[in-house]
């Protein structure tokens, strides 16, 4: 068999293995090429330009990496906002994952009306997105009144340092949002439970294992890849959250005369690179989990 025939055979094998997945991705790839490829490329071009507005329109002056240098070294606002946001995420992500895991364990049990309760936990994901979520929070729907009512904010302020108390109070103030943001994670965990064979639970039950032992020895190791998947989804969801301070900073610099579109684009690309690094780390953890599970 010559090299051309081998190449065709290898291509046919890959298509049989991954063709269905590529077909499911095809609508997204077409939409990306039509609606998103040019704006993304244009923003990368603007990141290396000094954009100014004149009477005849926009003027572009090539300044190289200056926008990136200003964002990282000259203007500390971007770095500070990013560090503060990461500090909040360190608190929020474990809370969302643990809450989703606990609720999914309950919803995975057999009881009347299980489908209705699953729908109730998922409905906020549908209704509280985008502009709807913004309007709800502007009207005070996301406030947690018992924090001030029972003096929790005073207790946290008096017993923790300011660097720890501020993000902790922010997390407590967003508890409603955390509950609203857990619907997809709950469904992912429930789907993960279905991949664990019931015969394993029956075997350990015959051997006298308690439900607590079954959880630690069977359920938790079995859903480890889905924990990594939920980490990835939650992180991306929080990075694109409407109240994200980095997103607000990009918008404010975009319409600022002294900075403009070029500087805002540089911040956006730095933010994107940072997100991709974190996603790569999660993907490495996810791949290692899958390999360990197959082994």
C-alpha atoms as a PDB file:
ATOM      1  CA  UNK A   1       0.000   0.000   0.000  1.00  0.00           C
ATOM      2  CA  UNK A   2       1.478   3.323  -1.065  1.00  0.00           C
ATOM      3  CA  UNK A   3       1.645   6.452   1.077  1.00  0.00           C
ATOM      4  CA  UNK A   4      -1.423   8.025  -0.574  1.00  0.00           C
ATOM      5  CA  UNK A   5      -3.562   4.957   0.118  1.00  0.00           C
ATOM      6  CA  UNK A   6      -2.358   4.851   3.711  1.00  0.00           C
ATOM      7  CA  UNK A   7      -3.235   8.504   4.128  1.00  0.00           C
ATOM      8  CA  UNK A   8      -6.739   7.971   2.724  1.00  0.00           C
ATOM      9  CA  UNK A   9      -7.259   4.961   4.988  1.00  0.00           C
ATOM     10  CA  UNK A  10      -6.126   6.957   8.016  1.00  0.00           C
ATOM     11  CA  UNK A  11      -8.443   9.831   7.076  1.00  0.00           C
ATOM     12  CA  UNK A  12     -11.370   7.422   6.636  1.00  0.00           C
ATOM     13  CA  UNK A  13     -10.677   5.881  10.044  1.00  0.00           C
ATOM     14  CA  UNK A  14     -10.583   9.292  11.726  1.00  0.00           C
ATOM     15  CA  UNK A  15     -13.830  10.295  10.017  1.00  0.00           C
ATOM     16  CA  UNK A  16     -15.552   7.132  11.254  1.00  0.00           C
ATOM     17  CA  UNK A  17     -14.256   7.793  14.761  1.00  0.00           C
ATOM     18  CA  UNK A  18     -14.862  11.534  15.006  1.00  0.00           C
ATOM     19  CA  UNK A  19     -17.213  12.321  12.100  1.00  0.00           C
ATOM     20  CA  UNK A  20     -20.380  12.457  14.219  1.00  0.00           C
ATOM     21  CA  UNK A  21     -18.730  14.865  16.637  1.00  0.00           C
ATOM     22  CA  UNK A  22     -17.592  17.137  13.807  1.00  0.00           C
ATOM     23  CA  UNK A  23     -21.118  17.147  12.370  1.00  0.00           C
ATOM     24  CA  UNK A  24     -22.515  18.312  15.717  1.00  0.00           C
ATOM     25  CA  UNK A  25     -19.846  21.040  15.795  1.00  0.00           C
ATOM     26  CA  UNK A  26     -20.500  22.125  12.204  1.00  0.00           C
ATOM     27  CA  UNK A  27     -23.326  24.648  12.965  1.00  0.00           C
ATOM     28  CA  UNK A  28     -21.125  26.333  15.580  1.00  0.00           C
ATOM     29  CA  UNK A  29     -18.124  26.429  13.227  1.00  0.00           C
ATOM     30  CA  UNK A  30     -20.235  27.999  10.473  1.00  0.00           C
ATOM     31  CA  UNK A  31     -21.631  30.587  12.893  1.00  0.00           C
ATOM     32  CA  UNK A  32     -18.132  31.337  14.186  1.00  0.00           C
ATOM     33  CA  UNK A  33     -16.752  31.814  10.664  1.00  0.00           C
ATOM     34  CA  UNK A  34     -19.638  34.057   9.592  1.00  0.00           C
ATOM     35  CA  UNK A  35     -20.230  36.172  12.691  1.00  0.00           C
ATOM     36  CA  UNK A  36     -17.182  35.996  14.981  1.00  0.00           C
ATOM     37  CA  UNK A  37     -13.978  35.355  13.014  1.00  0.00           C
ATOM     38  CA  UNK A  38     -13.696  38.874  11.591  1.00  0.00           C
ATOM     39  CA  UNK A  39     -14.497  40.761  14.866  1.00  0.00           C
ATOM     40  CA  UNK A  40     -11.956  38.651  16.741  1.00  0.00           C
ATOM     41  CA  UNK A  41      -9.294  39.240  14.104  1.00  0.00           C
ATOM     42  CA  UNK A  42     -10.103  42.966  14.031  1.00  0.00           C
ATOM     43  CA  UNK A  43      -9.784  43.234  17.816  1.00  0.00           C
ATOM     44  CA  UNK A  44      -6.345  41.623  17.595  1.00  0.00           C
ATOM     45  CA  UNK A  45      -5.381  44.205  14.966  1.00  0.00           C
ATOM     46  CA  UNK A  46      -6.646  47.044  17.180  1.00  0.00           C
ATOM     47  CA  UNK A  47      -4.620  45.758  20.142  1.00  0.00           C
ATOM     48  CA  UNK A  48      -1.443  46.885  18.344  1.00  0.00           C
ATOM     49  CA  UNK A  49      -2.879  50.269  17.329  1.00  0.00           C
ATOM     50  CA  UNK A  50      -3.481  53.617  18.956  1.00  0.00           C
ATOM     51  CA  UNK A  51      -7.058  54.348  17.942  1.00  0.00           C
ATOM     52  CA  UNK A  52      -8.233  57.956  17.993  1.00  0.00           C
ATOM     53  CA  UNK A  53     -11.390  59.598  16.756  1.00  0.00           C
ATOM     54  CA  UNK A  54     -11.217  62.603  14.449  1.00  0.00           C
ATOM     55  CA  UNK A  55     -13.636  64.565  12.327  1.00  0.00           C
ATOM     56  CA  UNK A  56     -13.055  62.237   9.384  1.00  0.00           C
ATOM     57  CA  UNK A  57     -13.426  59.027  11.400  1.00  0.00           C
ATOM     58  CA  UNK A  58     -11.094  56.692  13.247  1.00  0.00           C
ATOM     59  CA  UNK A  59      -7.328  57.015  12.924  1.00  0.00           C
ATOM     60  CA  UNK A  60      -5.016  54.079  13.523  1.00  0.00           C
ATOM     61  CA  UNK A  61      -1.365  54.418  14.540  1.00  0.00           C
ATOM     62  CA  UNK A  62       0.755  51.305  14.960  1.00  0.00           C
ATOM     63  CA  UNK A  63       2.407  51.254  18.405  1.00  0.00           C
ATOM     64  CA  UNK A  64       3.394  47.596  18.683  1.00  0.00           C
ATOM     65  CA  UNK A  65       3.174  46.043  22.151  1.00  0.00           C
ATOM     66  CA  UNK A  66       2.707  49.369  23.946  1.00  0.00           C
ATOM     67  CA  UNK A  67      -0.956  48.719  24.836  1.00  0.00           C
ATOM     68  CA  UNK A  68      -0.032  45.382  26.414  1.00  0.00           C
ATOM     69  CA  UNK A  69       2.880  46.944  28.333  1.00  0.00           C
ATOM     70  CA  UNK A  70       0.632  49.718  29.634  1.00  0.00           C
ATOM     71  CA  UNK A  71      -1.993  47.226  30.774  1.00  0.00           C
ATOM     72  CA  UNK A  72       0.521  45.024  32.602  1.00  0.00           C
ATOM     73  CA  UNK A  73       3.025  47.530  34.003  1.00  0.00           C
ATOM     74  CA  UNK A  74       1.866  51.138  33.680  1.00  0.00           C
ATOM     75  CA  UNK A  75      -1.821  50.861  34.580  1.00  0.00           C
ATOM     76  CA  UNK A  76      -2.218  48.640  37.650  1.00  0.00           C
ATOM     77  CA  UNK A  77      -6.025  48.702  37.515  1.00  0.00           C
ATOM     78  CA  UNK A  78      -6.232  45.700  35.197  1.00  0.00           C
ATOM     79  CA  UNK A  79      -3.860  43.602  37.314  1.00  0.00           C
ATOM     80  CA  UNK A  80      -5.597  44.567  40.558  1.00  0.00           C
ATOM     81  CA  UNK A  81      -9.059  43.820  39.165  1.00  0.00           C
ATOM     82  CA  UNK A  82      -7.850  40.477  37.850  1.00  0.00           C
ATOM     83  CA  UNK A  83      -6.334  39.501  41.203  1.00  0.00           C
ATOM     84  CA  UNK A  84      -9.480  40.541  43.083  1.00  0.00           C
ATOM     85  CA  UNK A  85     -11.666  38.611  40.672  1.00  0.00           C
ATOM     86  CA  UNK A  86      -9.449  35.513  40.964  1.00  0.00           C
ATOM     87  CA  UNK A  87      -9.699  35.774  44.739  1.00  0.00           C
ATOM     88  CA  UNK A  88     -13.483  35.745  44.459  1.00  0.00           C
ATOM     89  CA  UNK A  89     -13.383  32.777  42.106  1.00  0.00           C
ATOM     90  CA  UNK A  90     -11.265  30.797  44.580  1.00  0.00           C
ATOM     91  CA  UNK A  91     -14.212  31.074  46.971  1.00  0.00           C
ATOM     92  CA  UNK A  92     -17.061  30.757  44.468  1.00  0.00           C
ATOM     93  CA  UNK A  93     -15.978  27.745  42.399  1.00  0.00           C
ATOM     94  CA  UNK A  94     -15.690  25.264  45.322  1.00  0.00           C
ATOM     95  CA  UNK A  95     -19.029  26.458  46.714  1.00  0.00           C
ATOM     96  CA  UNK A  96     -20.775  25.963  43.356  1.00  0.00           C
ATOM     97  CA  UNK A  97     -19.182  22.535  42.789  1.00  0.00           C
ATOM     98  CA  UNK A  98     -19.929  21.241  46.303  1.00  0.00           C
ATOM     99  CA  UNK A  99     -23.487  22.608  46.265  1.00  0.00           C
ATOM    100  CA  UNK A 100     -24.123  21.077  42.823  1.00  0.00           C
ATOM    101  CA  UNK A 101     -22.724  17.718  43.915  1.00  0.00           C
ATOM    102  CA  UNK A 102     -24.882  17.602  47.049  1.00  0.00           C
ATOM    103  CA  UNK A 103     -28.069  18.588  45.215  1.00  0.00           C
ATOM    104  CA  UNK A 104     -27.366  16.141  42.384  1.00  0.00           C
ATOM    105  CA  UNK A 105     -26.942  13.321  44.915  1.00  0.00           C
ATOM    106  CA  UNK A 106     -30.406  14.116  46.274  1.00  0.00           C
ATOM    107  CA  UNK A 107     -31.991  14.457  42.837  1.00  0.00           C
ATOM    108  CA  UNK A 108     -30.455  11.158  41.732  1.00  0.00           C
ATOM    109  CA  UNK A 109     -32.498   9.270  44.311  1.00  0.00           C
ATOM    110  CA  UNK A 110     -35.785   7.579  43.492  1.00  0.00           C
ATOM    111  CA  UNK A 111     -38.719   9.632  44.836  1.00  0.00           C
ATOM    112  CA  UNK A 112     -42.044  10.927  43.484  1.00  0.00           C
ATOM    113  CA  UNK A 113     -41.813  14.138  41.465  1.00  0.00           C
ATOM    114  CA  UNK A 114     -38.083  13.798  40.832  1.00  0.00           C
ATOM    115  CA  UNK A 115     -38.403  15.200  37.299  1.00  0.00           C
ATOM    116  CA  UNK A 116     -40.229  18.280  38.629  1.00  0.00           C
ATOM    117  CA  UNK A 117     -37.509  19.046  41.182  1.00  0.00           C
ATOM    118  CA  UNK A 118     -34.806  18.656  38.538  1.00  0.00           C
ATOM    119  CA  UNK A 119     -36.664  21.146  36.332  1.00  0.00           C
ATOM    120  CA  UNK A 120     -36.988  23.611  39.235  1.00  0.00           C
ATOM    121  CA  UNK A 121     -33.231  23.650  39.789  1.00  0.00           C
ATOM    122  CA  UNK A 122     -32.555  24.124  36.068  1.00  0.00           C
ATOM    123  CA  UNK A 123     -35.144  26.839  35.356  1.00  0.00           C
ATOM    124  CA  UNK A 124     -32.999  29.712  36.768  1.00  0.00           C
ATOM    125  CA  UNK A 125     -30.338  28.877  34.176  1.00  0.00           C
ATOM    126  CA  UNK A 126     -32.885  29.596  31.431  1.00  0.00           C
ATOM    127  CA  UNK A 127     -34.460  32.734  32.875  1.00  0.00           C
ATOM    128  CA  UNK A 128     -31.574  34.412  34.711  1.00  0.00           C
ATOM    129  CA  UNK A 129     -29.147  35.001  31.846  1.00  0.00           C
ATOM    130  CA  UNK A 130     -27.848  38.108  30.110  1.00  0.00           C
ATOM    131  CA  UNK A 131     -30.008  41.197  30.362  1.00  0.00           C
ATOM    132  CA  UNK A 132     -32.640  39.387  32.438  1.00  0.00           C
ATOM    133  CA  UNK A 133     -30.063  38.674  35.149  1.00  0.00           C
ATOM    134  CA  UNK A 134     -28.847  42.285  35.069  1.00  0.00           C
ATOM    135  CA  UNK A 135     -32.375  43.636  35.501  1.00  0.00           C
ATOM    136  CA  UNK A 136     -33.108  41.222  38.361  1.00  0.00           C
ATOM    137  CA  UNK A 137     -30.038  42.326  40.292  1.00  0.00           C
ATOM    138  CA  UNK A 138     -30.710  46.001  39.639  1.00  0.00           C
ATOM    139  CA  UNK A 139     -34.134  45.492  41.208  1.00  0.00           C
ATOM    140  CA  UNK A 140     -32.570  43.851  44.275  1.00  0.00           C
ATOM    141  CA  UNK A 141     -33.595  40.261  43.514  1.00  0.00           C
ATOM    142  CA  UNK A 142     -30.091  39.014  44.256  1.00  0.00           C
ATOM    143  CA  UNK A 143     -29.754  40.614  47.702  1.00  0.00           C
ATOM    144  CA  UNK A 144     -29.358  38.404  50.778  1.00  0.00           C
ATOM    145  CA  UNK A 145     -31.001  40.412  53.612  1.00  0.00           C
ATOM    146  CA  UNK A 146     -30.095  38.057  56.474  1.00  0.00           C
ATOM    147  CA  UNK A 147     -26.387  38.999  56.156  1.00  0.00           C
ATOM    148  CA  UNK A 148     -27.027  42.459  57.610  1.00  0.00           C
ATOM    149  CA  UNK A 149     -30.081  41.382  59.611  1.00  0.00           C
ATOM    150  CA  UNK A 150     -28.138  38.907  61.754  1.00  0.00           C
ATOM    151  CA  UNK A 151     -24.888  40.885  61.835  1.00  0.00           C
ATOM    152  CA  UNK A 152     -22.907  38.447  59.711  1.00  0.00           C
ATOM    153  CA  UNK A 153     -21.188  41.272  57.852  1.00  0.00           C
ATOM    154  CA  UNK A 154     -20.077  42.843  61.157  1.00  0.00           C
ATOM    155  CA  UNK A 155     -18.775  39.512  62.431  1.00  0.00           C
ATOM    156  CA  UNK A 156     -16.757  38.885  59.263  1.00  0.00           C
ATOM    157  CA  UNK A 157     -15.325  42.420  59.255  1.00  0.00           C
ATOM    158  CA  UNK A 158     -14.250  42.215  62.903  1.00  0.00           C
ATOM    159  CA  UNK A 159     -12.723  38.729  62.786  1.00  0.00           C
ATOM    160  CA  UNK A 160     -11.018  38.660  59.391  1.00  0.00           C
ATOM    161  CA  UNK A 161      -8.492  40.877  57.693  1.00  0.00           C
ATOM    162  CA  UNK A 162      -9.765  43.317  55.090  1.00  0.00           C
ATOM    163  CA  UNK A 163      -8.111  41.400  52.228  1.00  0.00           C
ATOM    164  CA  UNK A 164     -10.083  38.283  53.233  1.00  0.00           C
ATOM    165  CA  UNK A 165     -13.259  39.911  54.581  1.00  0.00           C
ATOM    166  CA  UNK A 166     -14.080  41.884  51.408  1.00  0.00           C
ATOM    167  CA  UNK A 167     -14.131  38.901  48.987  1.00  0.00           C
ATOM    168  CA  UNK A 168     -15.877  36.768  51.613  1.00  0.00           C
ATOM    169  CA  UNK A 169     -18.669  39.324  52.008  1.00  0.00           C
ATOM    170  CA  UNK A 170     -18.927  39.613  48.233  1.00  0.00           C
ATOM    171  CA  UNK A 171     -19.397  35.840  48.011  1.00  0.00           C
ATOM    172  CA  UNK A 172     -22.025  35.862  50.760  1.00  0.00           C
ATOM    173  CA  UNK A 173     -23.813  38.684  48.941  1.00  0.00           C
ATOM    174  CA  UNK A 174     -23.900  36.585  45.780  1.00  0.00           C
ATOM    175  CA  UNK A 175     -25.246  33.381  47.361  1.00  0.00           C
ATOM    176  CA  UNK A 176     -28.497  33.712  45.397  1.00  0.00           C
ATOM    177  CA  UNK A 177     -26.469  33.987  42.231  1.00  0.00           C
ATOM    178  CA  UNK A 178     -24.458  30.886  43.186  1.00  0.00           C
ATOM    179  CA  UNK A 179     -27.672  28.925  43.612  1.00  0.00           C
ATOM    180  CA  UNK A 180     -28.915  30.194  40.237  1.00  0.00           C
ATOM    181  CA  UNK A 181     -25.637  29.271  38.553  1.00  0.00           C
ATOM    182  CA  UNK A 182     -25.660  25.608  39.585  1.00  0.00           C
ATOM    183  CA  UNK A 183     -28.303  24.158  37.254  1.00  0.00           C
ATOM    184  CA  UNK A 184     -26.000  22.953  34.482  1.00  0.00           C
ATOM    185  CA  UNK A 185     -23.481  21.546  36.964  1.00  0.00           C
ATOM    186  CA  UNK A 186     -26.258  19.577  38.680  1.00  0.00           C
ATOM    187  CA  UNK A 187     -27.309  18.007  35.370  1.00  0.00           C
ATOM    188  CA  UNK A 188     -23.702  17.125  34.543  1.00  0.00           C
ATOM    189  CA  UNK A 189     -23.274  15.382  37.891  1.00  0.00           C
ATOM    190  CA  UNK A 190     -26.550  13.487  37.458  1.00  0.00           C
ATOM    191  CA  UNK A 191     -25.363  12.320  34.038  1.00  0.00           C
ATOM    192  CA  UNK A 192     -22.088  11.259  35.656  1.00  0.00           C
ATOM    193  CA  UNK A 193     -23.919   9.140  38.221  1.00  0.00           C
ATOM    194  CA  UNK A 194     -25.602   7.229  35.396  1.00  0.00           C
ATOM    195  CA  UNK A 195     -22.203   6.050  34.126  1.00  0.00           C
ATOM    196  CA  UNK A 196     -21.551   4.111  37.364  1.00  0.00           C
ATOM    197  CA  UNK A 197     -22.915   0.576  37.151  1.00  0.00           C
ATOM    198  CA  UNK A 198     -25.596  -0.219  39.721  1.00  0.00           C
ATOM    199  CA  UNK A 199     -24.161  -3.716  40.094  1.00  0.00           C
ATOM    200  CA  UNK A 200     -21.120  -2.194  41.851  1.00  0.00           C
ATOM    201  CA  UNK A 201     -23.363  -0.653  44.512  1.00  0.00           C
ATOM    202  CA  UNK A 202     -25.230  -3.939  44.909  1.00  0.00           C
ATOM    203  CA  UNK A 203     -21.940  -5.806  45.390  1.00  0.00           C
ATOM    204  CA  UNK A 204     -20.595  -3.459  48.070  1.00  0.00           C
ATOM    205  CA  UNK A 205     -23.995  -3.416  49.779  1.00  0.00           C
ATOM    206  CA  UNK A 206     -23.864  -7.217  50.041  1.00  0.00           C
ATOM    207  CA  UNK A 207     -20.362  -6.912  51.504  1.00  0.00           C
ATOM    208  CA  UNK A 208     -21.781  -4.648  54.207  1.00  0.00           C
ATOM    209  CA  UNK A 209     -20.485  -1.260  53.046  1.00  0.00           C
ATOM    210  CA  UNK A 210     -22.364   1.771  54.377  1.00  0.00           C
ATOM    211  CA  UNK A 211     -23.758   4.491  52.053  1.00  0.00           C
ATOM    212  CA  UNK A 212     -21.021   6.818  53.310  1.00  0.00           C
ATOM    213  CA  UNK A 213     -18.331   4.293  52.352  1.00  0.00           C
ATOM    214  CA  UNK A 214     -19.974   3.758  48.955  1.00  0.00           C
ATOM    215  CA  UNK A 215     -19.878   7.473  48.308  1.00  0.00           C
ATOM    216  CA  UNK A 216     -16.165   7.842  49.097  1.00  0.00           C
ATOM    217  CA  UNK A 217     -15.011   4.599  47.460  1.00  0.00           C
ATOM    218  CA  UNK A 218     -17.305   4.403  44.395  1.00  0.00           C
ATOM    219  CA  UNK A 219     -19.373   7.539  43.705  1.00  0.00           C
ATOM    220  CA  UNK A 220     -16.713  10.212  44.187  1.00  0.00           C
ATOM    221  CA  UNK A 221     -13.970   8.432  42.183  1.00  0.00           C
ATOM    222  CA  UNK A 222     -16.538   7.614  39.489  1.00  0.00           C
ATOM    223  CA  UNK A 223     -17.560  11.237  38.978  1.00  0.00           C
ATOM    224  CA  UNK A 224     -14.025  12.647  39.167  1.00  0.00           C
ATOM    225  CA  UNK A 225     -13.956  13.400  35.387  1.00  0.00           C
ATOM    226  CA  UNK A 226     -17.291  15.181  35.744  1.00  0.00           C
ATOM    227  CA  UNK A 227     -15.911  17.269  38.608  1.00  0.00           C
ATOM    228  CA  UNK A 228     -13.157  18.430  36.249  1.00  0.00           C
ATOM    229  CA  UNK A 229     -15.764  19.109  33.550  1.00  0.00           C
ATOM    230  CA  UNK A 230     -17.824  21.175  35.984  1.00  0.00           C
ATOM    231  CA  UNK A 231     -14.703  23.056  37.039  1.00  0.00           C
ATOM    232  CA  UNK A 232     -14.107  23.927  33.404  1.00  0.00           C
ATOM    233  CA  UNK A 233     -17.713  24.971  32.773  1.00  0.00           C
ATOM    234  CA  UNK A 234     -17.994  26.992  36.003  1.00  0.00           C
ATOM    235  CA  UNK A 235     -14.743  28.816  35.366  1.00  0.00           C
ATOM    236  CA  UNK A 236     -15.756  29.809  31.821  1.00  0.00           C
ATOM    237  CA  UNK A 237     -19.222  30.812  33.048  1.00  0.00           C
ATOM    238  CA  UNK A 238     -17.772  33.083  35.739  1.00  0.00           C
ATOM    239  CA  UNK A 239     -15.243  34.596  33.339  1.00  0.00           C
ATOM    240  CA  UNK A 240     -18.111  35.683  31.057  1.00  0.00           C
ATOM    241  CA  UNK A 241     -20.437  36.698  33.892  1.00  0.00           C
ATOM    242  CA  UNK A 242     -22.329  40.008  33.295  1.00  0.00           C
ATOM    243  CA  UNK A 243     -21.011  41.533  36.570  1.00  0.00           C
ATOM    244  CA  UNK A 244     -17.440  40.517  35.877  1.00  0.00           C
ATOM    245  CA  UNK A 245     -15.229  43.543  36.829  1.00  0.00           C
ATOM    246  CA  UNK A 246     -12.764  42.801  34.015  1.00  0.00           C
ATOM    247  CA  UNK A 247     -15.558  42.935  31.438  1.00  0.00           C
ATOM    248  CA  UNK A 248     -16.712  46.246  32.900  1.00  0.00           C
ATOM    249  CA  UNK A 249     -13.161  47.590  32.716  1.00  0.00           C
ATOM    250  CA  UNK A 250     -12.892  46.617  29.042  1.00  0.00           C
ATOM    251  CA  UNK A 251     -16.146  48.425  28.284  1.00  0.00           C
ATOM    252  CA  UNK A 252     -15.143  51.563  30.186  1.00  0.00           C
ATOM    253  CA  UNK A 253     -11.733  51.784  28.455  1.00  0.00           C
ATOM    254  CA  UNK A 254     -13.341  51.220  25.081  1.00  0.00           C
ATOM    255  CA  UNK A 255     -15.248  54.499  25.342  1.00  0.00           C
ATOM    256  CA  UNK A 256     -12.503  56.400  27.166  1.00  0.00           C
ATOM    257  CA  UNK A 257     -10.820  59.042  24.972  1.00  0.00           C
ATOM    258  CA  UNK A 258      -7.408  58.595  26.612  1.00  0.00           C
ATOM    259  CA  UNK A 259      -7.354  54.810  26.102  1.00  0.00           C
ATOM    260  CA  UNK A 260      -9.814  53.878  23.374  1.00  0.00           C
ATOM    261  CA  UNK A 261     -10.427  50.714  21.402  1.00  0.00           C
ATOM    262  CA  UNK A 262      -6.762  49.745  21.108  1.00  0.00           C
ATOM    263  CA  UNK A 263      -6.075  49.636  24.830  1.00  0.00           C
ATOM    264  CA  UNK A 264      -9.423  47.923  25.516  1.00  0.00           C
ATOM    265  CA  UNK A 265      -8.613  45.272  22.895  1.00  0.00           C
ATOM    266  CA  UNK A 266      -5.197  44.673  24.493  1.00  0.00           C
ATOM    267  CA  UNK A 267      -6.847  44.126  27.892  1.00  0.00           C
ATOM    268  CA  UNK A 268      -9.360  41.765  26.319  1.00  0.00           C
ATOM    269  CA  UNK A 269      -6.611  39.686  24.703  1.00  0.00           C
ATOM    270  CA  UNK A 270      -4.585  39.537  27.919  1.00  0.00           C
ATOM    271  CA  UNK A 271      -7.721  38.383  29.693  1.00  0.00           C
ATOM    272  CA  UNK A 272      -8.338  35.803  26.968  1.00  0.00           C
ATOM    273  CA  UNK A 273      -4.773  34.448  27.222  1.00  0.00           C
ATOM    274  CA  UNK A 274      -5.112  34.173  31.000  1.00  0.00           C
ATOM    275  CA  UNK A 275      -8.392  32.259  30.615  1.00  0.00           C
ATOM    276  CA  UNK A 276      -6.862  29.891  28.048  1.00  0.00           C
ATOM    277  CA  UNK A 277      -3.969  29.085  30.398  1.00  0.00           C
ATOM    278  CA  UNK A 278      -6.398  28.165  33.170  1.00  0.00           C
ATOM    279  CA  UNK A 279      -8.520  26.121  30.743  1.00  0.00           C
ATOM    280  CA  UNK A 280      -5.394  24.258  29.595  1.00  0.00           C
ATOM    281  CA  UNK A 281      -4.621  23.342  33.213  1.00  0.00           C
ATOM    282  CA  UNK A 282      -8.177  22.082  33.741  1.00  0.00           C
ATOM    283  CA  UNK A 283      -7.981  20.074  30.497  1.00  0.00           C
ATOM    284  CA  UNK A 284      -4.747  18.443  31.671  1.00  0.00           C
ATOM    285  CA  UNK A 285      -6.500  17.458  34.899  1.00  0.00           C
ATOM    286  CA  UNK A 286      -9.497  16.184  32.927  1.00  0.00           C
ATOM    287  CA  UNK A 287      -7.318  14.081  30.610  1.00  0.00           C
ATOM    288  CA  UNK A 288      -5.395  12.600  33.514  1.00  0.00           C
ATOM    289  CA  UNK A 289      -8.697  11.731  35.209  1.00  0.00           C
ATOM    290  CA  UNK A 290      -9.977   9.974  32.096  1.00  0.00           C
ATOM    291  CA  UNK A 291      -6.731   8.020  31.685  1.00  0.00           C
ATOM    292  CA  UNK A 292      -6.774   6.949  35.324  1.00  0.00           C
ATOM    293  CA  UNK A 293     -10.401   5.891  35.002  1.00  0.00           C
ATOM    294  CA  UNK A 294      -9.731   3.800  31.874  1.00  0.00           C
ATOM    295  CA  UNK A 295      -6.733   2.193  33.571  1.00  0.00           C
END
